[in-house]
Amino acid sequence: MADHPRSAEQIHRDYQARFGALVKALTDEVDEFYEQCDPEKENLCLYGEPDGSWAVDLPAEEVPAELPEPCLGINFARNGMARRDWLALVAVHSDAWLLSVAFYYGARLDSEGRAKLFKTINDGPTLFEVVMERAGRASAAPATTGNGADAAAQPAAGGSQQRNRQAADQPTGAAVWSDAPQASGRLATMSDIPKLKGRRAELYWPDDKKWYLITFHSVNPQENNAQAVYTSGEIEELDLQEIIQDGHLSILSQ
């Protein structure tokens, strides 16, 4: 297990990468996923990889497998259910698999570490919630921006995390958000703080269960805080240490 994540933070990063991969398979790349789940093939599983990729493949041959295995035979039910219901079923089973992998890695954590791991995972949405919300938005609105831009979905300052979030003047536009972090991004670490000025990122709001697009206007590495600007024009003071430790900041590739 030399290369396996060991700390609660490392395990959560692994979880987030696998989660993002499965979100991509069941939403943005769902047509490709659907085609790969041919009922005429053998028992197939959906895997989310720590590099952000996904794969539909046969289960591991070794017994017992190195990691807990995802649901077996997802392809067999594809043509016997409505597509939306089938995707919901795959999402629920995938949620169970993601948790099993996280707590397989977390078996060596103490009780405090396990509680922290569960909290950081539980603060985010489940795969089922993301897939169903995407499906609901797609069926309810024939034309969308595709990136969650919605004037009614402005981030509300404050919230249960109490991160000294201060609403600025009335927003001038729409806040751009998504249900899961972009696959091209990565979770921030404390070493990223000095290099954040001018960078684009996504900030997770537990109360909204959404990732909001931001740009860092200024950064104070000594105090571990920063000033971020939302696409709506709102400006917010952020406690970077708390946000990064909670796994709530994803840095986008330049």
C-alpha atoms as a PDB file:
ATOM      1  CA  MET A   1       0.000   0.000   0.000  1.00  0.00           C
ATOM      2  CA  ALA A   2       3.026   2.261  -0.434  1.00  0.00           C
ATOM      3  CA  ASP A   3       1.353   4.380  -3.109  1.00  0.00           C
ATOM      4  CA  HIS A   4      -2.076   4.477  -1.494  1.00  0.00           C
ATOM      5  CA  PRO A   5      -3.376   7.689   0.106  1.00  0.00           C
ATOM      6  CA  ARG A   6      -2.844   7.632   3.857  1.00  0.00           C
ATOM      7  CA  SER A   7      -4.063  10.854   5.476  1.00  0.00           C
ATOM      8  CA  ALA A   8      -7.691  11.986   5.567  1.00  0.00           C
ATOM      9  CA  GLU A   9      -6.795  14.817   3.180  1.00  0.00           C
ATOM     10  CA  GLN A  10      -5.079  12.477   0.710  1.00  0.00           C
ATOM     11  CA  ILE A  11      -7.969  10.013   0.807  1.00  0.00           C
ATOM     12  CA  HIS A  12     -10.448  12.818   0.206  1.00  0.00           C
ATOM     13  CA  ARG A  13      -8.463  14.020  -2.805  1.00  0.00           C
ATOM     14  CA  ASP A  14      -8.555  10.474  -4.180  1.00  0.00           C
ATOM     15  CA  TYR A  15     -12.311  10.371  -3.539  1.00  0.00           C
ATOM     16  CA  GLN A  16     -12.843  13.714  -5.288  1.00  0.00           C
ATOM     17  CA  ALA A  17     -10.875  12.617  -8.356  1.00  0.00           C
ATOM     18  CA  ARG A  18     -12.835   9.370  -8.664  1.00  0.00           C
ATOM     19  CA  PHE A  19     -16.090  11.242  -7.988  1.00  0.00           C
ATOM     20  CA  GLY A  20     -15.339  13.777 -10.732  1.00  0.00           C
ATOM     21  CA  ALA A  21     -14.567  10.986 -13.165  1.00  0.00           C
ATOM     22  CA  LEU A  22     -17.911   9.290 -12.481  1.00  0.00           C
ATOM     23  CA  VAL A  23     -19.784  12.592 -12.772  1.00  0.00           C
ATOM     24  CA  LYS A  24     -18.235  13.002 -16.203  1.00  0.00           C
ATOM     25  CA  ALA A  25     -19.254   9.482 -17.246  1.00  0.00           C
ATOM     26  CA  LEU A  26     -22.856   9.901 -16.117  1.00  0.00           C
ATOM     27  CA  THR A  27     -23.412  13.469 -17.370  1.00  0.00           C
ATOM     28  CA  ASP A  28     -21.104  15.144 -19.878  1.00  0.00           C
ATOM     29  CA  GLU A  29     -20.004  11.874 -21.531  1.00  0.00           C
ATOM     30  CA  VAL A  30     -23.154   9.880 -20.824  1.00  0.00           C
ATOM     31  CA  ASP A  31     -23.780   8.915 -24.456  1.00  0.00           C
ATOM     32  CA  GLU A  32     -20.358   7.299 -24.700  1.00  0.00           C
ATOM     33  CA  PHE A  33     -20.893   5.588 -21.347  1.00  0.00           C
ATOM     34  CA  TYR A  34     -24.304   4.308 -22.463  1.00  0.00           C
ATOM     35  CA  GLU A  35     -22.865   2.814 -25.644  1.00  0.00           C
ATOM     36  CA  GLN A  36     -20.054   1.061 -23.779  1.00  0.00           C
ATOM     37  CA  CYS A  37     -22.542  -0.680 -21.467  1.00  0.00           C
ATOM     38  CA  ASP A  38     -23.644  -3.157 -24.116  1.00  0.00           C
ATOM     39  CA  PRO A  39     -25.959  -5.796 -22.577  1.00  0.00           C
ATOM     40  CA  GLU A  40     -24.506  -8.367 -24.972  1.00  0.00           C
ATOM     41  CA  LYS A  41     -21.110  -8.119 -23.309  1.00  0.00           C
ATOM     42  CA  GLU A  42     -20.008  -9.879 -20.123  1.00  0.00           C
ATOM     43  CA  ASN A  43     -20.455  -8.455 -16.617  1.00  0.00           C
ATOM     44  CA  LEU A  44     -19.217  -4.867 -16.744  1.00  0.00           C
ATOM     45  CA  CYS A  45     -18.318  -2.381 -14.015  1.00  0.00           C
ATOM     46  CA  LEU A  46     -17.922   1.402 -13.999  1.00  0.00           C
ATOM     47  CA  TYR A  47     -14.600   2.544 -12.554  1.00  0.00           C
ATOM     48  CA  GLY A  48     -13.552   6.067 -11.571  1.00  0.00           C
ATOM     49  CA  GLU A  49      -9.793   6.463 -11.526  1.00  0.00           C
ATOM     50  CA  PRO A  50      -7.676   8.744  -9.318  1.00  0.00           C
ATOM     51  CA  ASP A  51      -6.367  10.525 -12.437  1.00  0.00           C
ATOM     52  CA  GLY A  52      -9.904  11.734 -13.246  1.00  0.00           C
ATOM     53  CA  SER A  53     -10.619   9.216 -16.005  1.00  0.00           C
ATOM     54  CA  TRP A  54     -13.392   6.625 -16.086  1.00  0.00           C
ATOM     55  CA  ALA A  55     -13.649   3.193 -17.632  1.00  0.00           C
ATOM     56  CA  VAL A  56     -16.270   0.530 -18.269  1.00  0.00           C
ATOM     57  CA  ASP A  57     -14.461  -2.759 -17.850  1.00  0.00           C
ATOM     58  CA  LEU A  58     -14.596  -6.315 -16.580  1.00  0.00           C
ATOM     59  CA  PRO A  59     -14.021  -6.807 -12.848  1.00  0.00           C
ATOM     60  CA  ALA A  60     -10.561  -7.512 -11.525  1.00  0.00           C
ATOM     61  CA  GLU A  61      -9.452 -11.116 -11.987  1.00  0.00           C
ATOM     62  CA  GLU A  62      -7.483 -11.363  -8.753  1.00  0.00           C
ATOM     63  CA  VAL A  63      -9.367 -12.583  -5.706  1.00  0.00           C
ATOM     64  CA  PRO A  64      -9.576 -10.824  -3.375  1.00  0.00           C
ATOM     65  CA  ALA A  65      -9.225  -7.649  -5.438  1.00  0.00           C
ATOM     66  CA  GLU A  66      -6.734  -4.986  -4.390  1.00  0.00           C
ATOM     67  CA  LEU A  67      -9.593  -2.493  -3.873  1.00  0.00           C
ATOM     68  CA  PRO A  68     -13.332  -2.945  -3.278  1.00  0.00           C
ATOM     69  CA  GLU A  69     -15.023  -3.617  -6.596  1.00  0.00           C
ATOM     70  CA  PRO A  70     -17.868  -1.534  -8.067  1.00  0.00           C
ATOM     71  CA  CYS A  71     -21.283  -3.000  -8.877  1.00  0.00           C
ATOM     72  CA  LEU A  72     -21.025  -5.925 -11.265  1.00  0.00           C
ATOM     73  CA  GLY A  73     -23.187  -6.276 -14.378  1.00  0.00           C
ATOM     74  CA  ILE A  74     -24.495  -2.729 -14.762  1.00  0.00           C
ATOM     75  CA  ASN A  75     -24.850  -3.339 -18.501  1.00  0.00           C
ATOM     76  CA  PHE A  76     -27.433  -6.107 -18.120  1.00  0.00           C
ATOM     77  CA  ALA A  77     -30.157  -3.756 -16.869  1.00  0.00           C
ATOM     78  CA  ARG A  78     -29.524  -1.040 -19.456  1.00  0.00           C
ATOM     79  CA  ASN A  79     -32.263  -1.968 -21.927  1.00  0.00           C
ATOM     80  CA  GLY A  80     -34.766  -3.130 -19.332  1.00  0.00           C
ATOM     81  CA  MET A  81     -35.208   0.272 -17.653  1.00  0.00           C
ATOM     82  CA  ALA A  82     -35.869   3.854 -18.630  1.00  0.00           C
ATOM     83  CA  ARG A  83     -32.514   5.495 -19.329  1.00  0.00           C
ATOM     84  CA  ARG A  84     -32.888   8.034 -16.497  1.00  0.00           C
ATOM     85  CA  ASP A  85     -33.776   5.296 -13.996  1.00  0.00           C
ATOM     86  CA  TRP A  86     -30.856   3.167 -15.109  1.00  0.00           C
ATOM     87  CA  LEU A  87     -28.429   6.061 -14.714  1.00  0.00           C
ATOM     88  CA  ALA A  88     -29.862   6.718 -11.239  1.00  0.00           C
ATOM     89  CA  LEU A  89     -29.285   3.069 -10.313  1.00  0.00           C
ATOM     90  CA  VAL A  90     -25.690   3.196 -11.550  1.00  0.00           C
ATOM     91  CA  ALA A  91     -25.139   6.438  -9.626  1.00  0.00           C
ATOM     92  CA  VAL A  92     -26.425   4.970  -6.348  1.00  0.00           C
ATOM     93  CA  HIS A  93     -24.227   1.891  -6.669  1.00  0.00           C
ATOM     94  CA  SER A  94     -21.275   4.101  -7.609  1.00  0.00           C
ATOM     95  CA  ASP A  95     -21.810   6.222  -4.490  1.00  0.00           C
ATOM     96  CA  ALA A  96     -21.594   3.046  -2.413  1.00  0.00           C
ATOM     97  CA  TRP A  97     -18.396   2.059  -4.210  1.00  0.00           C
ATOM     98  CA  LEU A  98     -16.780   5.478  -3.716  1.00  0.00           C
ATOM     99  CA  LEU A  99     -17.426   5.298   0.020  1.00  0.00           C
ATOM    100  CA  SER A 100     -16.146   1.736   0.240  1.00  0.00           C
ATOM    101  CA  VAL A 101     -12.871   2.705  -1.466  1.00  0.00           C
ATOM    102  CA  ALA A 102     -12.462   5.775   0.757  1.00  0.00           C
ATOM    103  CA  PHE A 103     -12.957   3.803   3.948  1.00  0.00           C
ATOM    104  CA  TYR A 104     -10.839   0.924   2.710  1.00  0.00           C
ATOM    105  CA  TYR A 105      -8.017   3.465   2.577  1.00  0.00           C
ATOM    106  CA  GLY A 106      -9.230   5.011   5.834  1.00  0.00           C
ATOM    107  CA  ALA A 107      -9.128   1.782   7.830  1.00  0.00           C
ATOM    108  CA  ARG A 108      -5.784   2.800   9.322  1.00  0.00           C
ATOM    109  CA  LEU A 109      -7.009   6.230  10.426  1.00  0.00           C
ATOM    110  CA  ASP A 110      -7.915   6.810  14.042  1.00  0.00           C
ATOM    111  CA  SER A 111     -11.462   7.757  15.031  1.00  0.00           C
ATOM    112  CA  GLU A 112     -10.752  11.460  14.621  1.00  0.00           C
ATOM    113  CA  GLY A 113      -9.318  10.906  11.149  1.00  0.00           C
ATOM    114  CA  ARG A 114     -12.281   8.761  10.084  1.00  0.00           C
ATOM    115  CA  ALA A 115     -14.720  11.383  11.355  1.00  0.00           C
ATOM    116  CA  LYS A 116     -12.864  14.092   9.447  1.00  0.00           C
ATOM    117  CA  LEU A 117     -12.862  11.985   6.286  1.00  0.00           C
ATOM    118  CA  PHE A 118     -16.589  11.317   6.521  1.00  0.00           C
ATOM    119  CA  LYS A 119     -17.347  14.986   7.189  1.00  0.00           C
ATOM    120  CA  THR A 120     -15.411  16.217   4.165  1.00  0.00           C
ATOM    121  CA  ILE A 121     -17.144  13.644   1.967  1.00  0.00           C
ATOM    122  CA  ASN A 122     -20.570  14.299   3.473  1.00  0.00           C
ATOM    123  CA  ASP A 123     -20.236  18.064   2.989  1.00  0.00           C
ATOM    124  CA  GLY A 124     -20.320  17.491  -0.771  1.00  0.00           C
ATOM    125  CA  PRO A 125     -23.136  16.181  -2.939  1.00  0.00           C
ATOM    126  CA  THR A 126     -23.573  12.503  -3.737  1.00  0.00           C
ATOM    127  CA  LEU A 127     -23.144  11.267  -7.273  1.00  0.00           C
ATOM    128  CA  PHE A 128     -26.846  10.409  -7.313  1.00  0.00           C
ATOM    129  CA  GLU A 129     -27.738  14.004  -6.401  1.00  0.00           C
ATOM    130  CA  VAL A 130     -25.507  15.426  -9.130  1.00  0.00           C
ATOM    131  CA  VAL A 131     -26.785  13.080 -11.837  1.00  0.00           C
ATOM    132  CA  MET A 132     -30.443  13.593 -10.954  1.00  0.00           C
ATOM    133  CA  GLU A 133     -30.075  17.374 -10.721  1.00  0.00           C
ATOM    134  CA  ARG A 134     -28.383  17.495 -14.109  1.00  0.00           C
ATOM    135  CA  ALA A 135     -31.085  15.285 -15.578  1.00  0.00           C
ATOM    136  CA  GLY A 136     -33.794  17.460 -14.021  1.00  0.00           C
ATOM    137  CA  ARG A 137     -32.290  20.675 -15.381  1.00  0.00           C
ATOM    138  CA  ALA A 138     -31.911  19.168 -18.838  1.00  0.00           C
ATOM    139  CA  SER A 139     -35.541  18.032 -18.981  1.00  0.00           C
ATOM    140  CA  ALA A 140     -36.944  21.214 -17.448  1.00  0.00           C
ATOM    141  CA  ALA A 141     -35.124  23.724 -19.637  1.00  0.00           C
ATOM    142  CA  PRO A 142     -34.679  23.217 -23.389  1.00  0.00           C
ATOM    143  CA  ALA A 143     -31.924  25.826 -23.523  1.00  0.00           C
ATOM    144  CA  THR A 144     -29.255  26.234 -20.842  1.00  0.00           C
ATOM    145  CA  THR A 145     -25.807  27.721 -20.607  1.00  0.00           C
ATOM    146  CA  GLY A 146     -24.319  24.319 -19.801  1.00  0.00           C
ATOM    147  CA  ASN A 147     -22.206  25.796 -17.024  1.00  0.00           C
ATOM    148  CA  GLY A 148     -24.806  26.527 -14.394  1.00  0.00           C
ATOM    149  CA  ALA A 149     -24.973  30.274 -15.024  1.00  0.00           C
ATOM    150  CA  ASP A 150     -28.191  31.377 -13.392  1.00  0.00           C
ATOM    151  CA  ALA A 151     -29.052  34.772 -12.019  1.00  0.00           C
ATOM    152  CA  ALA A 152     -31.207  33.092  -9.390  1.00  0.00           C
ATOM    153  CA  ALA A 153     -28.303  31.006  -8.151  1.00  0.00           C
ATOM    154  CA  GLN A 154     -26.164  33.683  -6.566  1.00  0.00           C
ATOM    155  CA  PRO A 155     -23.961  32.517  -3.677  1.00  0.00           C
ATOM    156  CA  ALA A 156     -25.491  33.601  -0.406  1.00  0.00           C
ATOM    157  CA  ALA A 157     -22.946  35.086   1.971  1.00  0.00           C
ATOM    158  CA  GLY A 158     -22.404  33.377   5.303  1.00  0.00           C
ATOM    159  CA  GLY A 159     -23.679  29.844   5.698  1.00  0.00           C
ATOM    160  CA  SER A 160     -22.918  27.115   8.169  1.00  0.00           C
ATOM    161  CA  GLN A 161     -19.180  27.214   7.544  1.00  0.00           C
ATOM    162  CA  GLN A 162     -18.892  30.826   8.829  1.00  0.00           C
ATOM    163  CA  ARG A 163     -15.820  31.631   6.778  1.00  0.00           C
ATOM    164  CA  ASN A 164     -16.115  35.394   7.247  1.00  0.00           C
ATOM    165  CA  ARG A 165     -17.738  35.591   3.864  1.00  0.00           C
ATOM    166  CA  GLN A 166     -18.857  39.142   3.296  1.00  0.00           C
ATOM    167  CA  ALA A 167     -21.262  39.992   0.512  1.00  0.00           C
ATOM    168  CA  ALA A 168     -20.136  42.933  -1.566  1.00  0.00           C
ATOM    169  CA  ASP A 169     -22.426  45.253  -3.497  1.00  0.00           C
ATOM    170  CA  GLN A 170     -25.393  43.880  -5.400  1.00  0.00           C
ATOM    171  CA  PRO A 171     -24.084  41.392  -7.977  1.00  0.00           C
ATOM    172  CA  THR A 172     -23.779  42.765 -11.487  1.00  0.00           C
ATOM    173  CA  GLY A 173     -24.239  39.456 -13.315  1.00  0.00           C
ATOM    174  CA  ALA A 174     -24.829  35.745 -12.866  1.00  0.00           C
ATOM    175  CA  ALA A 175     -22.731  33.467 -10.686  1.00  0.00           C
ATOM    176  CA  VAL A 176     -21.407  30.536 -12.704  1.00  0.00           C
ATOM    177  CA  TRP A 177     -21.601  27.242 -10.842  1.00  0.00           C
ATOM    178  CA  SER A 178     -21.606  23.503 -11.411  1.00  0.00           C
ATOM    179  CA  ASP A 179     -22.584  20.462  -9.394  1.00  0.00           C
ATOM    180  CA  ALA A 180     -19.087  18.977  -9.410  1.00  0.00           C
ATOM    181  CA  PRO A 181     -15.594  20.384  -9.952  1.00  0.00           C
ATOM    182  CA  GLN A 182     -14.285  20.400 -13.497  1.00  0.00           C
ATOM    183  CA  ALA A 183     -12.225  17.366 -14.402  1.00  0.00           C
ATOM    184  CA  SER A 184      -9.390  19.625 -15.579  1.00  0.00           C
ATOM    185  CA  GLY A 185      -9.012  21.095 -12.092  1.00  0.00           C
ATOM    186  CA  ARG A 186      -7.328  19.746  -8.988  1.00  0.00           C
ATOM    187  CA  LEU A 187      -7.842  20.242  -5.289  1.00  0.00           C
ATOM    188  CA  ALA A 188      -5.679  23.018  -3.869  1.00  0.00           C
ATOM    189  CA  THR A 189      -3.003  22.435  -1.259  1.00  0.00           C
ATOM    190  CA  MET A 190      -1.463  24.876   1.187  1.00  0.00           C
ATOM    191  CA  SER A 191       1.633  25.135  -1.003  1.00  0.00           C
ATOM    192  CA  ASP A 192      -0.518  26.660  -3.773  1.00  0.00           C
ATOM    193  CA  ILE A 193      -1.431  29.754  -1.738  1.00  0.00           C
ATOM    194  CA  PRO A 194       1.503  32.007  -2.789  1.00  0.00           C
ATOM    195  CA  LYS A 195       0.699  31.320  -6.457  1.00  0.00           C
ATOM    196  CA  LEU A 196      -3.068  31.889  -6.391  1.00  0.00           C
ATOM    197  CA  LYS A 197      -3.225  35.572  -7.367  1.00  0.00           C
ATOM    198  CA  GLY A 198      -4.879  35.872 -10.764  1.00  0.00           C
ATOM    199  CA  ARG A 199      -5.753  32.168 -10.914  1.00  0.00           C
ATOM    200  CA  ARG A 200      -9.211  30.872 -11.750  1.00  0.00           C
ATOM    201  CA  ALA A 201     -10.667  28.271  -9.407  1.00  0.00           C
ATOM    202  CA  GLU A 202     -13.893  26.705  -8.203  1.00  0.00           C
ATOM    203  CA  LEU A 203     -15.086  27.183  -4.621  1.00  0.00           C
ATOM    204  CA  TYR A 204     -17.469  24.691  -3.040  1.00  0.00           C
ATOM    205  CA  TRP A 205     -20.366  25.972  -0.921  1.00  0.00           C
ATOM    206  CA  PRO A 206     -21.672  23.231   1.409  1.00  0.00           C
ATOM    207  CA  ASP A 207     -25.017  24.964   1.933  1.00  0.00           C
ATOM    208  CA  ASP A 208     -25.662  25.182  -1.824  1.00  0.00           C
ATOM    209  CA  LYS A 209     -23.793  21.977  -2.690  1.00  0.00           C
ATOM    210  CA  LYS A 210     -22.387  23.783  -5.719  1.00  0.00           C
ATOM    211  CA  TRP A 211     -18.951  24.754  -7.020  1.00  0.00           C
ATOM    212  CA  TYR A 212     -18.726  28.465  -7.892  1.00  0.00           C
ATOM    213  CA  LEU A 213     -16.278  29.879 -10.410  1.00  0.00           C
ATOM    214  CA  ILE A 214     -13.987  32.516  -8.896  1.00  0.00           C
ATOM    215  CA  THR A 215     -10.832  34.460  -9.698  1.00  0.00           C
ATOM    216  CA  PHE A 216      -8.320  35.379  -7.021  1.00  0.00           C
ATOM    217  CA  HIS A 217      -7.926  39.149  -6.919  1.00  0.00           C
ATOM    218  CA  SER A 218      -5.377  39.297  -4.099  1.00  0.00           C
ATOM    219  CA  VAL A 219      -3.656  36.820  -1.790  1.00  0.00           C
ATOM    220  CA  ASN A 220      -1.944  37.183   1.593  1.00  0.00           C
ATOM    221  CA  PRO A 221       0.267  34.077   2.029  1.00  0.00           C
ATOM    222  CA  GLN A 222       1.334  35.149   5.518  1.00  0.00           C
ATOM    223  CA  GLU A 223      -2.250  35.208   6.818  1.00  0.00           C
ATOM    224  CA  ASN A 224      -3.512  32.413   4.522  1.00  0.00           C
ATOM    225  CA  ASN A 225      -6.378  34.525   3.269  1.00  0.00           C
ATOM    226  CA  ALA A 226      -7.397  35.933  -0.079  1.00  0.00           C
ATOM    227  CA  GLN A 227      -9.907  38.101  -1.877  1.00  0.00           C
ATOM    228  CA  ALA A 228     -11.895  36.283  -4.544  1.00  0.00           C
ATOM    229  CA  VAL A 229     -14.202  37.667  -7.226  1.00  0.00           C
ATOM    230  CA  TYR A 230     -17.231  35.713  -8.448  1.00  0.00           C
ATOM    231  CA  THR A 231     -18.458  35.992 -12.037  1.00  0.00           C
ATOM    232  CA  SER A 232     -21.439  37.872 -10.578  1.00  0.00           C
ATOM    233  CA  GLY A 233     -19.110  40.666  -9.461  1.00  0.00           C
ATOM    234  CA  GLU A 234     -19.319  39.805  -5.764  1.00  0.00           C
ATOM    235  CA  ILE A 235     -16.084  40.020  -3.805  1.00  0.00           C
ATOM    236  CA  GLU A 236     -15.386  37.768  -0.838  1.00  0.00           C
ATOM    237  CA  GLU A 237     -12.687  37.402   1.794  1.00  0.00           C
ATOM    238  CA  LEU A 238     -11.648  33.759   2.114  1.00  0.00           C
ATOM    239  CA  ASP A 239      -9.928  31.828   4.894  1.00  0.00           C
ATOM    240  CA  LEU A 240      -7.794  29.651   2.620  1.00  0.00           C
ATOM    241  CA  GLN A 241      -6.504  27.329   5.315  1.00  0.00           C
ATOM    242  CA  GLU A 242      -9.983  26.216   6.340  1.00  0.00           C
ATOM    243  CA  ILE A 243     -11.258  25.944   2.769  1.00  0.00           C
ATOM    244  CA  ILE A 244      -8.258  23.968   1.527  1.00  0.00           C
ATOM    245  CA  GLN A 245      -8.279  21.628   4.511  1.00  0.00           C
ATOM    246  CA  ASP A 246     -11.974  20.923   3.880  1.00  0.00           C
ATOM    247  CA  GLY A 247     -11.222  20.088   0.215  1.00  0.00           C
ATOM    248  CA  HIS A 248     -13.456  22.908  -0.987  1.00  0.00           C
ATOM    249  CA  LEU A 249     -11.136  24.643  -3.463  1.00  0.00           C
ATOM    250  CA  SER A 250     -10.315  23.298  -6.930  1.00  0.00           C
ATOM    251  CA  ILE A 251      -7.708  25.134  -9.018  1.00  0.00           C
ATOM    252  CA  LEU A 252      -8.378  25.220 -12.763  1.00  0.00           C
ATOM    253  CA  SER A 253      -5.611  24.591 -15.263  1.00  0.00           C
ATOM    254  CA  GLN A 254      -4.173  27.739 -16.828  1.00  0.00           C
END
